């Protein structure tokens, strides 16, 4: 009778180990899938970041051209004080949005 109980105990331990192995395999495959999804998201964000950097460079080049031609965007003839402040605020908002996108 002692031999049967040792055999049963051995089978129970073996079954418990099989369950643990199955659990770890499942968890490992879930982690691999999550890792792959995260890597895909990283690649997507890097591509978006490159596109935003190119757009930023284009915008900076468009902005710098008039400045290089000695044109003053904020001259008194072009804007009154309210328009000038509104334009400054809009530019500040755009810079903040671009900065946010570049940091994400």
C-alpha atoms as a PDB file:
ATOM      1  CA  UNK A   1       0.000   0.000   0.000  1.00  0.00           C
ATOM      2  CA  UNK A   2       2.930   2.332   0.702  1.00  0.00           C
ATOM      3  CA  UNK A   3       4.175   1.725  -2.835  1.00  0.00           C
ATOM      4  CA  UNK A   4       0.860   2.747  -4.368  1.00  0.00           C
ATOM      5  CA  UNK A   5       0.683   5.960  -2.394  1.00  0.00           C
ATOM      6  CA  UNK A   6       4.264   6.852  -3.424  1.00  0.00           C
ATOM      7  CA  UNK A   7       3.331   6.155  -7.027  1.00  0.00           C
ATOM      8  CA  UNK A   8       0.153   8.251  -6.744  1.00  0.00           C
ATOM      9  CA  UNK A   9       2.090  11.057  -5.072  1.00  0.00           C
ATOM     10  CA  UNK A  10       4.693  10.926  -7.848  1.00  0.00           C
ATOM     11  CA  UNK A  11       1.962  11.152 -10.515  1.00  0.00           C
ATOM     12  CA  UNK A  12       0.319  14.080  -8.712  1.00  0.00           C
ATOM     13  CA  UNK A  13       3.635  15.928  -8.562  1.00  0.00           C
ATOM     14  CA  UNK A  14       4.228  15.141 -12.224  1.00  0.00           C
ATOM     15  CA  UNK A  15       0.776  16.494 -13.128  1.00  0.00           C
ATOM     16  CA  UNK A  16       1.416  19.620 -11.068  1.00  0.00           C
ATOM     17  CA  UNK A  17       4.709  20.176 -12.905  1.00  0.00           C
ATOM     18  CA  UNK A  18       2.986  19.706 -16.254  1.00  0.00           C
ATOM     19  CA  UNK A  19       0.391  22.324 -15.291  1.00  0.00           C
ATOM     20  CA  UNK A  20       3.118  24.757 -14.259  1.00  0.00           C
ATOM     21  CA  UNK A  21       5.016  24.190 -17.500  1.00  0.00           C
ATOM     22  CA  UNK A  22       1.841  24.736 -19.519  1.00  0.00           C
ATOM     23  CA  UNK A  23       1.140  27.938 -17.560  1.00  0.00           C
ATOM     24  CA  UNK A  24       4.676  29.244 -18.145  1.00  0.00           C
ATOM     25  CA  UNK A  25       4.478  28.412 -21.852  1.00  0.00           C
ATOM     26  CA  UNK A  26       1.173  30.273 -22.138  1.00  0.00           C
ATOM     27  CA  UNK A  27       2.541  33.252 -20.226  1.00  0.00           C
ATOM     28  CA  UNK A  28       5.692  33.230 -22.357  1.00  0.00           C
ATOM     29  CA  UNK A  29       3.706  33.239 -25.592  1.00  0.00           C
ATOM     30  CA  UNK A  30       1.526  36.095 -24.284  1.00  0.00           C
ATOM     31  CA  UNK A  31       4.630  38.082 -23.386  1.00  0.00           C
ATOM     32  CA  UNK A  32       6.132  37.451 -26.824  1.00  0.00           C
ATOM     33  CA  UNK A  33       2.935  38.671 -28.466  1.00  0.00           C
ATOM     34  CA  UNK A  34       2.847  41.793 -26.297  1.00  0.00           C
ATOM     35  CA  UNK A  35       6.525  42.429 -27.025  1.00  0.00           C
ATOM     36  CA  UNK A  36       5.878  42.140 -30.767  1.00  0.00           C
ATOM     37  CA  UNK A  37       2.952  44.560 -30.517  1.00  0.00           C
ATOM     38  CA  UNK A  38       5.104  47.026 -28.583  1.00  0.00           C
ATOM     39  CA  UNK A  39       7.910  46.737 -31.138  1.00  0.00           C
ATOM     40  CA  UNK A  40       5.411  47.408 -33.922  1.00  0.00           C
ATOM     41  CA  UNK A  41       4.129  50.452 -32.055  1.00  0.00           C
ATOM     42  CA  UNK A  42       7.696  51.704 -31.546  1.00  0.00           C
ATOM     43  CA  UNK A  43       8.389  51.356 -35.270  1.00  0.00           C
ATOM     44  CA  UNK A  44       5.170  53.187 -36.100  1.00  0.00           C
ATOM     45  CA  UNK A  45       5.993  56.016 -33.694  1.00  0.00           C
ATOM     46  CA  UNK A  46       9.526  56.307 -35.063  1.00  0.00           C
ATOM     47  CA  UNK A  47       8.117  56.662 -38.595  1.00  0.00           C
ATOM     48  CA  UNK A  48       5.633  59.290 -37.411  1.00  0.00           C
ATOM     49  CA  UNK A  49       8.447  61.084 -35.608  1.00  0.00           C
ATOM     50  CA  UNK A  50      10.525  61.180 -38.797  1.00  0.00           C
ATOM     51  CA  UNK A  51       7.558  62.544 -40.759  1.00  0.00           C
ATOM     52  CA  UNK A  52       7.004  65.231 -38.124  1.00  0.00           C
ATOM     53  CA  UNK A  53      10.694  66.141 -38.162  1.00  0.00           C
ATOM     54  CA  UNK A  54      10.551  66.548 -41.955  1.00  0.00           C
ATOM     55  CA  UNK A  55       7.426  68.682 -41.699  1.00  0.00           C
ATOM     56  CA  UNK A  56       9.069  70.785 -39.008  1.00  0.00           C
ATOM     57  CA  UNK A  57      12.147  71.277 -41.180  1.00  0.00           C
ATOM     58  CA  UNK A  58       9.930  72.322 -44.107  1.00  0.00           C
ATOM     59  CA  UNK A  59       8.029  74.792 -41.949  1.00  0.00           C
ATOM     60  CA  UNK A  60      11.246  76.203 -40.509  1.00  0.00           C
ATOM     61  CA  UNK A  61      12.662  76.645 -43.994  1.00  0.00           C
ATOM     62  CA  UNK A  62       9.481  78.390 -45.155  1.00  0.00           C
ATOM     63  CA  UNK A  63       9.600  80.684 -42.140  1.00  0.00           C
ATOM     64  CA  UNK A  64      13.277  81.449 -42.458  1.00  0.00           C
ATOM     65  CA  UNK A  65      13.061  82.451 -46.161  1.00  0.00           C
ATOM     66  CA  UNK A  66      11.170  85.703 -45.511  1.00  0.00           C
ATOM     67  CA  UNK A  67      13.463  86.467 -42.597  1.00  0.00           C
ATOM     68  CA  UNK A  68      16.488  85.989 -44.834  1.00  0.00           C
ATOM     69  CA  UNK A  69      14.965  88.378 -47.377  1.00  0.00           C
ATOM     70  CA  UNK A  70      14.930  91.085 -44.684  1.00  0.00           C
ATOM     71  CA  UNK A  71      11.157  91.100 -44.452  1.00  0.00           C
ATOM     72  CA  UNK A  72       9.805  91.890 -41.032  1.00  0.00           C
ATOM     73  CA  UNK A  73       6.718  89.819 -40.248  1.00  0.00           C
ATOM     74  CA  UNK A  74       5.800  92.025 -37.306  1.00  0.00           C
ATOM     75  CA  UNK A  75       6.198  95.437 -38.874  1.00  0.00           C
ATOM     76  CA  UNK A  76       3.719  98.114 -37.884  1.00  0.00           C
ATOM     77  CA  UNK A  77       2.366  98.397 -41.419  1.00  0.00           C
ATOM     78  CA  UNK A  78       1.298  94.752 -41.537  1.00  0.00           C
ATOM     79  CA  UNK A  79      -0.368  94.251 -38.141  1.00  0.00           C
ATOM     80  CA  UNK A  80      -1.912  96.154 -35.302  1.00  0.00           C
ATOM     81  CA  UNK A  81      -1.133  95.184 -31.705  1.00  0.00           C
ATOM     82  CA  UNK A  82      -4.096  92.806 -31.367  1.00  0.00           C
ATOM     83  CA  UNK A  83      -3.269  90.975 -34.594  1.00  0.00           C
ATOM     84  CA  UNK A  84       0.367  90.768 -33.609  1.00  0.00           C
ATOM     85  CA  UNK A  85      -0.493  89.241 -30.203  1.00  0.00           C
ATOM     86  CA  UNK A  86      -2.942  86.785 -31.793  1.00  0.00           C
ATOM     87  CA  UNK A  87      -0.266  85.704 -34.266  1.00  0.00           C
ATOM     88  CA  UNK A  88       2.296  85.309 -31.466  1.00  0.00           C
ATOM     89  CA  UNK A  89      -0.147  83.174 -29.485  1.00  0.00           C
ATOM     90  CA  UNK A  90      -0.928  81.001 -32.509  1.00  0.00           C
ATOM     91  CA  UNK A  91       2.779  80.490 -33.190  1.00  0.00           C
ATOM     92  CA  UNK A  92       3.360  79.583 -29.552  1.00  0.00           C
ATOM     93  CA  UNK A  93       0.535  77.020 -29.702  1.00  0.00           C
ATOM     94  CA  UNK A  94       1.967  75.496 -32.883  1.00  0.00           C
ATOM     95  CA  UNK A  95       5.434  75.297 -31.362  1.00  0.00           C
ATOM     96  CA  UNK A  96       4.000  73.584 -28.276  1.00  0.00           C
ATOM     97  CA  UNK A  97       2.136  71.045 -30.441  1.00  0.00           C
ATOM     98  CA  UNK A  98       5.221  70.307 -32.527  1.00  0.00           C
ATOM     99  CA  UNK A  99       7.320  69.956 -29.393  1.00  0.00           C
ATOM    100  CA  UNK A 100       4.747  67.571 -27.889  1.00  0.00           C
ATOM    101  CA  UNK A 101       4.802  65.415 -31.028  1.00  0.00           C
ATOM    102  CA  UNK A 102       8.575  65.339 -31.124  1.00  0.00           C
ATOM    103  CA  UNK A 103       8.801  64.279 -27.488  1.00  0.00           C
ATOM    104  CA  UNK A 104       6.229  61.479 -27.781  1.00  0.00           C
END
